[in-house]
C-alpha cells in the first residue's frame, strides 16, 4: 500500500500532474471522476501568494470531491517559500508540493522551478525549510537534473528525502531537454531501486496511454505514475490505465456521447468557477483534444472556438450529438 504521510493511495496510484492553465478545478473534477488517485493544483507563485495576488489565491480553490489533493508552490526565495507554504496550508489541502520541475524560461531563469537544479545545496535547504514550516506532508516534483552533464537525481533524491519529504515525483528529462526528446526512465528506476530510498517514487514523462503506463511500471518498478500531457482532452486515461494494468485488456475509447457528457460537465464547472465569459473562453483550449480523431470535426471545432456564451456552446454540442451516429468512436490512426 502506497502512502504519503497518512494518505492511503492504494497499491499503484495514478496521479494527475500539476499543469498551468490545464489542471484547474473543473478539469480536475472530471479526472477524479475517472479515477485519478491524487491530484495537484496548477503551480502557484510563492511571491504572488504572499502578496495576496488574486490569480494566485484563486488557485488554492478545490472541492472536497478532489481529495486527496496537493497544493503546488514554486519560487526562488526561501523565506517567501516558507510563507507561501504556510499560506497554502491554511487552505487545508492534504499535501504541500514543491515545484522543482518547471522548465519555462521565465521561471527557471530566476532560479525557481527546474532552475534550482543549478544549485542543489539551495534546493535541499529550501526543501528542509518548507518541511519544517508546515505540519502537512511535503512532496516534490523535479527532473533528472539541469542538463546532460548534471543528471544528479539519484543523489538529489537521497538528500531531499533526508530532510523530510514524504514522496518524490521525477520527470524523465533534464531542464534543458524539450518534450520531443523521449523521456529517459533509466535514472528514475535507479532512484527507486536505491536501497537508501524509503519514500514513494513516482515516475512522469511520456505516459500517453495504458500501454506506455504498463511499460514504465513493469520496467522501472516505480510506486506509481503521474500523467501529464496524456490527459489532454482525455480524463478517461485513468480508467483505461487501471483497467489495463488489472486485466491486460484495452478499453475502447469513449464514444461521442460520453465525450459530450464529460466535456459538458467541465464546461458547466468552468462557468460556475470563473464566470460565464471567462469560463467559456478558457475551456476553448480543451475542445480540440476532447474530439480529436472524429472525422470531419473541424467545422464544429471552429464553432466552439468562436462561441462566447454558455447557451451557444450547449447548442453546438447538441448539433454535434445529432450529427454523429450513436456510439460513434474516434478513428484510430
C-alpha atoms as a PDB file:
ATOM      1  CA  UNK A   1       0.000   0.000   0.000  1.00  0.00           C
ATOM      2  CA  UNK A   2       1.466   3.357  -1.058  1.00  0.00           C
ATOM      3  CA  UNK A   3       1.151   6.167   1.452  1.00  0.00           C
ATOM      4  CA  UNK A   4       2.083   9.837   1.662  1.00  0.00           C
ATOM      5  CA  UNK A   5       2.040  10.529   5.361  1.00  0.00           C
ATOM      6  CA  UNK A   6      -1.292   9.049   6.453  1.00  0.00           C
ATOM      7  CA  UNK A   7      -2.831   9.303   2.984  1.00  0.00           C
ATOM      8  CA  UNK A   8      -3.592   5.880   1.547  1.00  0.00           C
ATOM      9  CA  UNK A   9      -3.192   5.907  -2.242  1.00  0.00           C
ATOM     10  CA  UNK A  10      -3.759   2.218  -2.956  1.00  0.00           C
ATOM     11  CA  UNK A  11      -1.350  -0.334  -4.389  1.00  0.00           C
ATOM     12  CA  UNK A  12      -0.280   1.559  -7.510  1.00  0.00           C
ATOM     13  CA  UNK A  13      -1.631   5.108  -7.711  1.00  0.00           C
ATOM     14  CA  UNK A  14      -2.082   7.051 -10.914  1.00  0.00           C
ATOM     15  CA  UNK A  15      -1.642  10.772 -10.254  1.00  0.00           C
ATOM     16  CA  UNK A  16      -2.673  13.844 -12.225  1.00  0.00           C
ATOM     17  CA  UNK A  17       0.268  16.183 -12.817  1.00  0.00           C
ATOM     18  CA  UNK A  18       0.014  19.868 -11.957  1.00  0.00           C
ATOM     19  CA  UNK A  19      -0.138  21.792 -15.237  1.00  0.00           C
ATOM     20  CA  UNK A  20      -0.517  25.539 -15.637  1.00  0.00           C
ATOM     21  CA  UNK A  21      -3.736  26.553 -17.426  1.00  0.00           C
ATOM     22  CA  UNK A  22      -4.871  22.913 -17.581  1.00  0.00           C
ATOM     23  CA  UNK A  23      -5.444  21.374 -14.151  1.00  0.00           C
ATOM     24  CA  UNK A  24      -7.899  23.880 -12.766  1.00  0.00           C
ATOM     25  CA  UNK A  25     -10.778  22.675 -10.539  1.00  0.00           C
ATOM     26  CA  UNK A  26     -13.206  21.968 -13.441  1.00  0.00           C
ATOM     27  CA  UNK A  27     -10.712  19.725 -15.230  1.00  0.00           C
ATOM     28  CA  UNK A  28      -9.545  18.086 -12.014  1.00  0.00           C
ATOM     29  CA  UNK A  29     -13.183  17.252 -11.265  1.00  0.00           C
ATOM     30  CA  UNK A  30     -13.630  15.168 -14.411  1.00  0.00           C
ATOM     31  CA  UNK A  31     -10.244  13.499 -13.922  1.00  0.00           C
ATOM     32  CA  UNK A  32     -11.326  12.463 -10.436  1.00  0.00           C
ATOM     33  CA  UNK A  33     -14.498  11.011 -11.906  1.00  0.00           C
ATOM     34  CA  UNK A  34     -12.350   8.570 -13.859  1.00  0.00           C
ATOM     35  CA  UNK A  35     -10.107   7.502 -11.029  1.00  0.00           C
ATOM     36  CA  UNK A  36      -7.214   9.911 -10.532  1.00  0.00           C
ATOM     37  CA  UNK A  37      -5.810   8.777  -7.178  1.00  0.00           C
ATOM     38  CA  UNK A  38      -4.204  12.098  -6.308  1.00  0.00           C
ATOM     39  CA  UNK A  39      -4.226  15.496  -7.978  1.00  0.00           C
ATOM     40  CA  UNK A  40      -2.431  18.799  -7.656  1.00  0.00           C
ATOM     41  CA  UNK A  41      -3.340  22.413  -8.263  1.00  0.00           C
ATOM     42  CA  UNK A  42      -1.784  24.431 -11.018  1.00  0.00           C
ATOM     43  CA  UNK A  43       1.556  25.671  -9.736  1.00  0.00           C
ATOM     44  CA  UNK A  44       1.287  28.785  -7.593  1.00  0.00           C
ATOM     45  CA  UNK A  45       3.860  31.555  -7.319  1.00  0.00           C
ATOM     46  CA  UNK A  46       5.120  31.959  -3.762  1.00  0.00           C
ATOM     47  CA  UNK A  47       5.564  35.687  -4.320  1.00  0.00           C
ATOM     48  CA  UNK A  48       2.053  36.024  -5.713  1.00  0.00           C
ATOM     49  CA  UNK A  49       0.568  34.097  -2.833  1.00  0.00           C
ATOM     50  CA  UNK A  50       2.183  36.085  -0.048  1.00  0.00           C
ATOM     51  CA  UNK A  51       1.173  39.336  -1.797  1.00  0.00           C
ATOM     52  CA  UNK A  52      -2.430  38.090  -1.930  1.00  0.00           C
ATOM     53  CA  UNK A  53      -2.418  38.363  -5.718  1.00  0.00           C
ATOM     54  CA  UNK A  54      -5.913  37.395  -6.822  1.00  0.00           C
ATOM     55  CA  UNK A  55      -4.781  34.953  -9.523  1.00  0.00           C
ATOM     56  CA  UNK A  56      -2.509  33.067  -7.117  1.00  0.00           C
ATOM     57  CA  UNK A  57      -5.049  32.946  -4.288  1.00  0.00           C
ATOM     58  CA  UNK A  58      -7.767  31.716  -6.672  1.00  0.00           C
ATOM     59  CA  UNK A  59      -5.639  28.678  -7.494  1.00  0.00           C
ATOM     60  CA  UNK A  60      -5.997  27.484  -3.901  1.00  0.00           C
ATOM     61  CA  UNK A  61      -9.637  26.581  -4.601  1.00  0.00           C
ATOM     62  CA  UNK A  62     -10.633  22.934  -4.617  1.00  0.00           C
ATOM     63  CA  UNK A  63     -13.680  20.790  -3.822  1.00  0.00           C
ATOM     64  CA  UNK A  64     -13.830  18.038  -1.208  1.00  0.00           C
ATOM     65  CA  UNK A  65     -14.537  15.595  -4.055  1.00  0.00           C
ATOM     66  CA  UNK A  66     -10.993  16.180  -5.340  1.00  0.00           C
ATOM     67  CA  UNK A  67      -9.217  14.816  -2.265  1.00  0.00           C
ATOM     68  CA  UNK A  68      -6.526  13.800  -1.739  1.00  0.00           C
ATOM     69  CA  UNK A  69      -5.100  16.941  -3.277  1.00  0.00           C
ATOM     70  CA  UNK A  70      -1.808  18.775  -3.108  1.00  0.00           C
ATOM     71  CA  UNK A  71      -1.201  22.487  -3.486  1.00  0.00           C
ATOM     72  CA  UNK A  72       1.944  23.066  -5.527  1.00  0.00           C
ATOM     73  CA  UNK A  73       4.078  26.159  -4.969  1.00  0.00           C
ATOM     74  CA  UNK A  74       7.204  27.470  -6.670  1.00  0.00           C
ATOM     75  CA  UNK A  75       9.692  30.238  -6.071  1.00  0.00           C
ATOM     76  CA  UNK A  76      13.356  31.153  -5.745  1.00  0.00           C
ATOM     77  CA  UNK A  77      13.396  32.817  -2.318  1.00  0.00           C
ATOM     78  CA  UNK A  78      13.425  30.527   0.716  1.00  0.00           C
ATOM     79  CA  UNK A  79      11.657  32.943   3.074  1.00  0.00           C
ATOM     80  CA  UNK A  80       8.899  33.504   0.529  1.00  0.00           C
ATOM     81  CA  UNK A  81       8.512  29.764   0.042  1.00  0.00           C
ATOM     82  CA  UNK A  82       8.136  29.274   3.796  1.00  0.00           C
ATOM     83  CA  UNK A  83       5.404  31.922   3.971  1.00  0.00           C
ATOM     84  CA  UNK A  84       3.684  30.563   0.863  1.00  0.00           C
ATOM     85  CA  UNK A  85       3.680  27.025   2.253  1.00  0.00           C
ATOM     86  CA  UNK A  86       2.092  28.260   5.468  1.00  0.00           C
ATOM     87  CA  UNK A  87      -0.463  30.263   3.488  1.00  0.00           C
ATOM     88  CA  UNK A  88      -1.285  27.222   1.352  1.00  0.00           C
ATOM     89  CA  UNK A  89      -1.602  25.035   4.431  1.00  0.00           C
ATOM     90  CA  UNK A  90      -4.442  27.238   5.676  1.00  0.00           C
ATOM     91  CA  UNK A  91      -6.458  26.172   2.622  1.00  0.00           C
ATOM     92  CA  UNK A  92      -6.406  22.677   4.180  1.00  0.00           C
ATOM     93  CA  UNK A  93      -5.061  20.532   1.342  1.00  0.00           C
ATOM     94  CA  UNK A  94      -3.663  17.061   2.002  1.00  0.00           C
ATOM     95  CA  UNK A  95      -0.129  17.801   0.795  1.00  0.00           C
ATOM     96  CA  UNK A  96       2.175  20.710   0.026  1.00  0.00           C
ATOM     97  CA  UNK A  97       4.153  20.061  -3.140  1.00  0.00           C
ATOM     98  CA  UNK A  98       7.214  21.983  -4.277  1.00  0.00           C
ATOM     99  CA  UNK A  99       7.728  22.537  -7.990  1.00  0.00           C
ATOM    100  CA  UNK A 100      11.354  21.897  -8.910  1.00  0.00           C
ATOM    101  CA  UNK A 101      10.443  20.807 -12.419  1.00  0.00           C
ATOM    102  CA  UNK A 102       9.013  23.700 -14.446  1.00  0.00           C
ATOM    103  CA  UNK A 103      11.383  24.337 -17.388  1.00  0.00           C
ATOM    104  CA  UNK A 104       9.763  27.563 -18.606  1.00  0.00           C
ATOM    105  CA  UNK A 105      12.456  30.179 -19.084  1.00  0.00           C
ATOM    106  CA  UNK A 106      10.784  32.991 -17.148  1.00  0.00           C
ATOM    107  CA  UNK A 107      10.546  30.663 -14.135  1.00  0.00           C
ATOM    108  CA  UNK A 108      13.802  28.731 -14.392  1.00  0.00           C
ATOM    109  CA  UNK A 109      15.944  31.782 -15.224  1.00  0.00           C
ATOM    110  CA  UNK A 110      15.122  33.193 -11.776  1.00  0.00           C
ATOM    111  CA  UNK A 111      16.272  30.015 -10.048  1.00  0.00           C
ATOM    112  CA  UNK A 112      12.744  28.688  -9.474  1.00  0.00           C
ATOM    113  CA  UNK A 113      11.199  25.522 -10.890  1.00  0.00           C
ATOM    114  CA  UNK A 114      13.867  23.397 -12.540  1.00  0.00           C
ATOM    115  CA  UNK A 115      16.234  26.384 -12.470  1.00  0.00           C
ATOM    116  CA  UNK A 116      17.107  25.458  -8.880  1.00  0.00           C
ATOM    117  CA  UNK A 117      18.750  22.278 -10.203  1.00  0.00           C
ATOM    118  CA  UNK A 118      21.742  24.541 -10.865  1.00  0.00           C
ATOM    119  CA  UNK A 119      22.075  24.973  -7.099  1.00  0.00           C
ATOM    120  CA  UNK A 120      21.457  21.676  -5.334  1.00  0.00           C
ATOM    121  CA  UNK A 121      22.537  22.890  -1.859  1.00  0.00           C
ATOM    122  CA  UNK A 122      19.915  25.652  -2.082  1.00  0.00           C
ATOM    123  CA  UNK A 123      17.339  23.132  -3.287  1.00  0.00           C
ATOM    124  CA  UNK A 124      17.993  20.962  -0.250  1.00  0.00           C
ATOM    125  CA  UNK A 125      17.965  23.961   2.091  1.00  0.00           C
ATOM    126  CA  UNK A 126      14.676  25.239   0.650  1.00  0.00           C
ATOM    127  CA  UNK A 127      13.102  21.810   0.917  1.00  0.00           C
ATOM    128  CA  UNK A 128      14.117  21.441   4.541  1.00  0.00           C
ATOM    129  CA  UNK A 129      12.827  24.917   5.368  1.00  0.00           C
ATOM    130  CA  UNK A 130       9.407  24.192   3.833  1.00  0.00           C
ATOM    131  CA  UNK A 131       9.186  20.799   5.551  1.00  0.00           C
ATOM    132  CA  UNK A 132       9.874  22.394   8.932  1.00  0.00           C
ATOM    133  CA  UNK A 133       7.423  25.246   8.361  1.00  0.00           C
ATOM    134  CA  UNK A 134       4.246  23.165   7.909  1.00  0.00           C
ATOM    135  CA  UNK A 135       2.529  20.224   9.543  1.00  0.00           C
ATOM    136  CA  UNK A 136       1.299  18.675   6.304  1.00  0.00           C
ATOM    137  CA  UNK A 137       3.360  16.152   4.318  1.00  0.00           C
ATOM    138  CA  UNK A 138       5.658  17.827   1.792  1.00  0.00           C
ATOM    139  CA  UNK A 139       6.406  16.250  -1.597  1.00  0.00           C
ATOM    140  CA  UNK A 140       8.418  17.453  -4.571  1.00  0.00           C
ATOM    141  CA  UNK A 141       8.288  17.156  -8.340  1.00  0.00           C
ATOM    142  CA  UNK A 142      11.566  17.527 -10.173  1.00  0.00           C
ATOM    143  CA  UNK A 143      13.661  16.407 -13.148  1.00  0.00           C
ATOM    144  CA  UNK A 144      16.713  14.246 -13.782  1.00  0.00           C
ATOM    145  CA  UNK A 145      19.000  17.254 -13.422  1.00  0.00           C
ATOM    146  CA  UNK A 146      19.748  20.573 -15.050  1.00  0.00           C
ATOM    147  CA  UNK A 147      21.349  19.228 -18.251  1.00  0.00           C
ATOM    148  CA  UNK A 148      23.061  16.141 -19.633  1.00  0.00           C
ATOM    149  CA  UNK A 149      26.252  16.956 -17.745  1.00  0.00           C
ATOM    150  CA  UNK A 150      24.368  17.234 -14.459  1.00  0.00           C
ATOM    151  CA  UNK A 151      21.945  14.326 -14.190  1.00  0.00           C
ATOM    152  CA  UNK A 152      22.116  14.282 -10.398  1.00  0.00           C
ATOM    153  CA  UNK A 153      18.727  12.875  -9.477  1.00  0.00           C
ATOM    154  CA  UNK A 154      19.944   9.795  -7.581  1.00  0.00           C
ATOM    155  CA  UNK A 155      21.920  11.995  -5.184  1.00  0.00           C
ATOM    156  CA  UNK A 156      19.233  14.700  -5.112  1.00  0.00           C
ATOM    157  CA  UNK A 157      16.535  12.194  -4.186  1.00  0.00           C
ATOM    158  CA  UNK A 158      18.534  10.926  -1.226  1.00  0.00           C
ATOM    159  CA  UNK A 159      19.261  14.424   0.021  1.00  0.00           C
ATOM    160  CA  UNK A 160      15.697  15.714  -0.137  1.00  0.00           C
ATOM    161  CA  UNK A 161      14.428  12.502   1.439  1.00  0.00           C
ATOM    162  CA  UNK A 162      16.880  13.030   4.296  1.00  0.00           C
ATOM    163  CA  UNK A 163      15.412  16.470   5.073  1.00  0.00           C
ATOM    164  CA  UNK A 164      11.917  15.105   5.388  1.00  0.00           C
ATOM    165  CA  UNK A 165       9.887  14.915   2.169  1.00  0.00           C
ATOM    166  CA  UNK A 166       7.225  12.200   2.006  1.00  0.00           C
ATOM    167  CA  UNK A 167       7.351  11.389  -1.732  1.00  0.00           C
ATOM    168  CA  UNK A 168       9.148  12.397  -4.913  1.00  0.00           C
ATOM    169  CA  UNK A 169       7.919  12.561  -8.498  1.00  0.00           C
ATOM    170  CA  UNK A 170      10.612  12.526 -11.168  1.00  0.00           C
ATOM    171  CA  UNK A 171      10.124  13.673 -14.742  1.00  0.00           C
ATOM    172  CA  UNK A 172      12.378  11.764 -17.118  1.00  0.00           C
ATOM    173  CA  UNK A 173      14.022  14.767 -18.766  1.00  0.00           C
ATOM    174  CA  UNK A 174      16.529  17.395 -17.745  1.00  0.00           C
ATOM    175  CA  UNK A 175      15.775  21.110 -17.502  1.00  0.00           C
ATOM    176  CA  UNK A 176      17.250  21.741 -20.952  1.00  0.00           C
ATOM    177  CA  UNK A 177      15.531  18.881 -22.798  1.00  0.00           C
ATOM    178  CA  UNK A 178      12.341  19.518 -24.731  1.00  0.00           C
ATOM    179  CA  UNK A 179       9.266  17.261 -24.917  1.00  0.00           C
ATOM    180  CA  UNK A 180      10.220  15.972 -28.383  1.00  0.00           C
ATOM    181  CA  UNK A 181      13.147  14.156 -26.740  1.00  0.00           C
ATOM    182  CA  UNK A 182      11.885  10.824 -25.345  1.00  0.00           C
ATOM    183  CA  UNK A 183      11.792  10.696 -21.562  1.00  0.00           C
ATOM    184  CA  UNK A 184      14.638   8.670 -20.040  1.00  0.00           C
ATOM    185  CA  UNK A 185      13.298   6.486 -17.242  1.00  0.00           C
ATOM    186  CA  UNK A 186      16.621   4.788 -16.508  1.00  0.00           C
ATOM    187  CA  UNK A 187      17.568   7.145 -13.695  1.00  0.00           C
ATOM    188  CA  UNK A 188      14.027   7.109 -12.320  1.00  0.00           C
ATOM    189  CA  UNK A 189      14.460   3.359 -11.959  1.00  0.00           C
ATOM    190  CA  UNK A 190      17.820   3.865 -10.276  1.00  0.00           C
ATOM    191  CA  UNK A 191      16.256   6.172  -7.713  1.00  0.00           C
ATOM    192  CA  UNK A 192      13.506   3.650  -6.993  1.00  0.00           C
ATOM    193  CA  UNK A 193      15.999   0.779  -6.699  1.00  0.00           C
ATOM    194  CA  UNK A 194      18.398   2.711  -4.481  1.00  0.00           C
ATOM    195  CA  UNK A 195      18.348   0.778  -1.173  1.00  0.00           C
ATOM    196  CA  UNK A 196      18.593   4.053   0.730  1.00  0.00           C
ATOM    197  CA  UNK A 197      15.253   5.274  -0.588  1.00  0.00           C
ATOM    198  CA  UNK A 198      12.231   4.530   1.566  1.00  0.00           C
ATOM    199  CA  UNK A 199       9.667   7.092   0.350  1.00  0.00           C
ATOM    200  CA  UNK A 200       7.358   6.581  -2.646  1.00  0.00           C
ATOM    201  CA  UNK A 201       8.953   7.305  -6.024  1.00  0.00           C
ATOM    202  CA  UNK A 202       6.568   8.265  -8.819  1.00  0.00           C
ATOM    203  CA  UNK A 203       7.554   8.419 -12.485  1.00  0.00           C
ATOM    204  CA  UNK A 204       6.449  11.005 -15.026  1.00  0.00           C
ATOM    205  CA  UNK A 205       7.084  11.554 -18.711  1.00  0.00           C
ATOM    206  CA  UNK A 206       5.598  10.155 -21.951  1.00  0.00           C
ATOM    207  CA  UNK A 207       2.708   8.311 -20.275  1.00  0.00           C
ATOM    208  CA  UNK A 208       0.290   8.748 -23.132  1.00  0.00           C
ATOM    209  CA  UNK A 209      -1.869   5.624 -22.870  1.00  0.00           C
ATOM    210  CA  UNK A 210      -2.413   2.396 -20.967  1.00  0.00           C
ATOM    211  CA  UNK A 211       0.339   0.514 -22.807  1.00  0.00           C
ATOM    212  CA  UNK A 212       3.035   3.066 -22.005  1.00  0.00           C
ATOM    213  CA  UNK A 213       1.883   3.108 -18.384  1.00  0.00           C
ATOM    214  CA  UNK A 214       2.326  -0.659 -18.129  1.00  0.00           C
ATOM    215  CA  UNK A 215       5.745  -0.487 -19.784  1.00  0.00           C
ATOM    216  CA  UNK A 216       7.049   2.078 -17.322  1.00  0.00           C
ATOM    217  CA  UNK A 217       5.570   0.262 -14.331  1.00  0.00           C
ATOM    218  CA  UNK A 218       6.964  -3.102 -15.336  1.00  0.00           C
ATOM    219  CA  UNK A 219      10.405  -1.934 -16.450  1.00  0.00           C
ATOM    220  CA  UNK A 220      11.272   0.535 -13.705  1.00  0.00           C
ATOM    221  CA  UNK A 221       9.425  -0.637 -10.601  1.00  0.00           C
ATOM    222  CA  UNK A 222       8.122   2.785  -9.556  1.00  0.00           C
ATOM    223  CA  UNK A 223       5.474   3.116  -6.870  1.00  0.00           C
ATOM    224  CA  UNK A 224       3.043   4.953  -9.122  1.00  0.00           C
ATOM    225  CA  UNK A 225       2.740   7.099 -12.224  1.00  0.00           C
ATOM    226  CA  UNK A 226       1.969  10.755 -12.801  1.00  0.00           C
ATOM    227  CA  UNK A 227       0.177  11.581 -16.059  1.00  0.00           C
ATOM    228  CA  UNK A 228       0.648  14.971 -17.728  1.00  0.00           C
ATOM    229  CA  UNK A 229       0.206  15.527 -21.486  1.00  0.00           C
ATOM    230  CA  UNK A 230      -1.557  12.179 -21.877  1.00  0.00           C
ATOM    231  CA  UNK A 231      -4.562  13.587 -20.058  1.00  0.00           C
ATOM    232  CA  UNK A 232      -5.247  16.440 -22.505  1.00  0.00           C
ATOM    233  CA  UNK A 233      -8.872  16.007 -23.534  1.00  0.00           C
ATOM    234  CA  UNK A 234      -8.600  12.524 -22.091  1.00  0.00           C
ATOM    235  CA  UNK A 235      -9.687  12.281 -18.443  1.00  0.00           C
ATOM    236  CA  UNK A 236     -10.600   8.677 -19.298  1.00  0.00           C
ATOM    237  CA  UNK A 237      -6.907   7.768 -19.269  1.00  0.00           C
ATOM    238  CA  UNK A 238      -7.061   6.971 -15.547  1.00  0.00           C
ATOM    239  CA  UNK A 239      -9.865   4.448 -16.101  1.00  0.00           C
ATOM    240  CA  UNK A 240      -8.064   2.971 -19.110  1.00  0.00           C
ATOM    241  CA  UNK A 241      -4.705   2.606 -17.351  1.00  0.00           C
ATOM    242  CA  UNK A 242      -6.181   0.971 -14.275  1.00  0.00           C
ATOM    243  CA  UNK A 243      -8.266  -1.447 -16.312  1.00  0.00           C
ATOM    244  CA  UNK A 244      -5.298  -2.451 -18.461  1.00  0.00           C
ATOM    245  CA  UNK A 245      -2.947  -2.912 -15.515  1.00  0.00           C
ATOM    246  CA  UNK A 246      -5.521  -5.094 -13.773  1.00  0.00           C
ATOM    247  CA  UNK A 247      -6.825  -7.160 -16.696  1.00  0.00           C
ATOM    248  CA  UNK A 248      -4.432  -6.778 -19.627  1.00  0.00           C
ATOM    249  CA  UNK A 249      -7.385  -5.670 -21.747  1.00  0.00           C
ATOM    250  CA  UNK A 250      -7.667  -2.355 -23.549  1.00  0.00           C
ATOM    251  CA  UNK A 251     -10.916  -0.493 -23.124  1.00  0.00           C
ATOM    252  CA  UNK A 252     -12.436   1.018 -26.264  1.00  0.00           C
ATOM    253  CA  UNK A 253     -12.065   4.798 -26.470  1.00  0.00           C
ATOM    254  CA  UNK A 254     -15.052   6.771 -25.220  1.00  0.00           C
ATOM    255  CA  UNK A 255     -17.711   7.389 -27.828  1.00  0.00           C
ATOM    256  CA  UNK A 256     -19.120  10.748 -28.862  1.00  0.00           C
ATOM    257  CA  UNK A 257     -21.974  10.600 -26.379  1.00  0.00           C
ATOM    258  CA  UNK A 258     -19.628  10.177 -23.422  1.00  0.00           C
ATOM    259  CA  UNK A 259     -17.234  12.854 -24.678  1.00  0.00           C
ATOM    260  CA  UNK A 260     -20.059  15.369 -24.929  1.00  0.00           C
ATOM    261  CA  UNK A 261     -21.361  14.415 -21.490  1.00  0.00           C
ATOM    262  CA  UNK A 262     -17.987  14.815 -19.754  1.00  0.00           C
ATOM    263  CA  UNK A 263     -16.915  17.944 -21.617  1.00  0.00           C
ATOM    264  CA  UNK A 264     -20.296  19.451 -20.702  1.00  0.00           C
ATOM    265  CA  UNK A 265     -19.636  18.756 -17.025  1.00  0.00           C
ATOM    266  CA  UNK A 266     -16.282  20.510 -17.317  1.00  0.00           C
ATOM    267  CA  UNK A 267     -17.923  23.398 -19.191  1.00  0.00           C
ATOM    268  CA  UNK A 268     -20.556  23.981 -16.505  1.00  0.00           C
ATOM    269  CA  UNK A 269     -17.971  23.678 -13.726  1.00  0.00           C
ATOM    270  CA  UNK A 270     -15.774  26.172 -15.571  1.00  0.00           C
ATOM    271  CA  UNK A 271     -18.592  28.708 -15.901  1.00  0.00           C
ATOM    272  CA  UNK A 272     -19.559  28.293 -12.247  1.00  0.00           C
ATOM    273  CA  UNK A 273     -15.981  28.767 -11.048  1.00  0.00           C
ATOM    274  CA  UNK A 274     -14.811  31.517 -13.419  1.00  0.00           C
ATOM    275  CA  UNK A 275     -17.975  33.248 -14.590  1.00  0.00           C
ATOM    276  CA  UNK A 276     -19.636  32.730 -17.949  1.00  0.00           C
ATOM    277  CA  UNK A 277     -17.396  34.724 -20.284  1.00  0.00           C
ATOM    278  CA  UNK A 278     -14.078  33.581 -18.859  1.00  0.00           C
ATOM    279  CA  UNK A 279     -15.305  30.021 -18.331  1.00  0.00           C
ATOM    280  CA  UNK A 280     -16.402  29.706 -21.957  1.00  0.00           C
ATOM    281  CA  UNK A 281     -13.195  31.315 -23.255  1.00  0.00           C
ATOM    282  CA  UNK A 282     -10.805  29.235 -21.185  1.00  0.00           C
ATOM    283  CA  UNK A 283     -12.360  25.873 -21.992  1.00  0.00           C
ATOM    284  CA  UNK A 284     -11.695  26.528 -25.681  1.00  0.00           C
ATOM    285  CA  UNK A 285      -8.218  25.027 -25.403  1.00  0.00           C
ATOM    286  CA  UNK A 286      -9.796  21.675 -24.490  1.00  0.00           C
ATOM    287  CA  UNK A 287     -12.216  21.270 -27.402  1.00  0.00           C
ATOM    288  CA  UNK A 288      -9.691  20.087 -29.974  1.00  0.00           C
ATOM    289  CA  UNK A 289      -8.366  17.444 -27.595  1.00  0.00           C
ATOM    290  CA  UNK A 290     -11.781  16.198 -26.479  1.00  0.00           C
ATOM    291  CA  UNK A 291     -12.882  15.487 -30.044  1.00  0.00           C
ATOM    292  CA  UNK A 292      -9.576  14.618 -31.685  1.00  0.00           C
ATOM    293  CA  UNK A 293      -9.876  11.800 -34.190  1.00  0.00           C
ATOM    294  CA  UNK A 294     -13.519  12.248 -35.164  1.00  0.00           C
ATOM    295  CA  UNK A 295     -13.969  12.566 -38.923  1.00  0.00           C
ATOM    296  CA  UNK A 296     -14.932  15.952 -40.371  1.00  0.00           C
ATOM    297  CA  UNK A 297     -14.984  17.618 -36.969  1.00  0.00           C
ATOM    298  CA  UNK A 298     -13.192  20.820 -37.965  1.00  0.00           C
ATOM    299  CA  UNK A 299     -16.350  22.914 -38.682  1.00  0.00           C
ATOM    300  CA  UNK A 300     -17.705  22.102 -35.238  1.00  0.00           C
ATOM    301  CA  UNK A 301     -14.383  22.885 -33.589  1.00  0.00           C
ATOM    302  CA  UNK A 302     -14.341  26.295 -35.256  1.00  0.00           C
ATOM    303  CA  UNK A 303     -17.858  26.977 -33.990  1.00  0.00           C
ATOM    304  CA  UNK A 304     -16.847  26.005 -30.460  1.00  0.00           C
ATOM    305  CA  UNK A 305     -13.808  28.274 -30.651  1.00  0.00           C
ATOM    306  CA  UNK A 306     -15.989  31.213 -31.715  1.00  0.00           C
ATOM    307  CA  UNK A 307     -18.797  30.701 -29.201  1.00  0.00           C
ATOM    308  CA  UNK A 308     -18.944  33.323 -26.461  1.00  0.00           C
ATOM    309  CA  UNK A 309     -21.894  32.234 -24.316  1.00  0.00           C
ATOM    310  CA  UNK A 310     -22.789  29.090 -22.425  1.00  0.00           C
ATOM    311  CA  UNK A 311     -26.068  28.831 -24.309  1.00  0.00           C
ATOM    312  CA  UNK A 312     -24.272  28.911 -27.652  1.00  0.00           C
ATOM    313  CA  UNK A 313     -21.746  26.229 -26.635  1.00  0.00           C
ATOM    314  CA  UNK A 314     -24.537  23.950 -25.426  1.00  0.00           C
ATOM    315  CA  UNK A 315     -26.389  24.369 -28.727  1.00  0.00           C
ATOM    316  CA  UNK A 316     -23.232  23.441 -30.667  1.00  0.00           C
ATOM    317  CA  UNK A 317     -22.710  20.353 -28.522  1.00  0.00           C
ATOM    318  CA  UNK A 318     -26.311  19.381 -29.301  1.00  0.00           C
ATOM    319  CA  UNK A 319     -25.552  19.811 -33.016  1.00  0.00           C
ATOM    320  CA  UNK A 320     -22.514  17.572 -32.658  1.00  0.00           C
ATOM    321  CA  UNK A 321     -24.552  14.918 -30.890  1.00  0.00           C
ATOM    322  CA  UNK A 322     -27.164  14.973 -33.662  1.00  0.00           C
ATOM    323  CA  UNK A 323     -24.566  14.906 -36.435  1.00  0.00           C
ATOM    324  CA  UNK A 324     -22.596  11.859 -35.381  1.00  0.00           C
ATOM    325  CA  UNK A 325     -24.104   8.353 -35.299  1.00  0.00           C
ATOM    326  CA  UNK A 326     -24.923   6.828 -31.940  1.00  0.00           C
ATOM    327  CA  UNK A 327     -21.815   5.322 -30.344  1.00  0.00           C
ATOM    328  CA  UNK A 328     -19.534   6.992 -32.931  1.00  0.00           C
ATOM    329  CA  UNK A 329     -15.944   6.438 -31.798  1.00  0.00           C
ATOM    330  CA  UNK A 330     -12.681   8.051 -32.761  1.00  0.00           C
ATOM    331  CA  UNK A 331     -10.847   6.930 -35.861  1.00  0.00           C
ATOM    332  CA  UNK A 332      -7.623   5.369 -34.626  1.00  0.00           C
ATOM    333  CA  UNK A 333      -4.639   6.483 -36.699  1.00  0.00           C
END
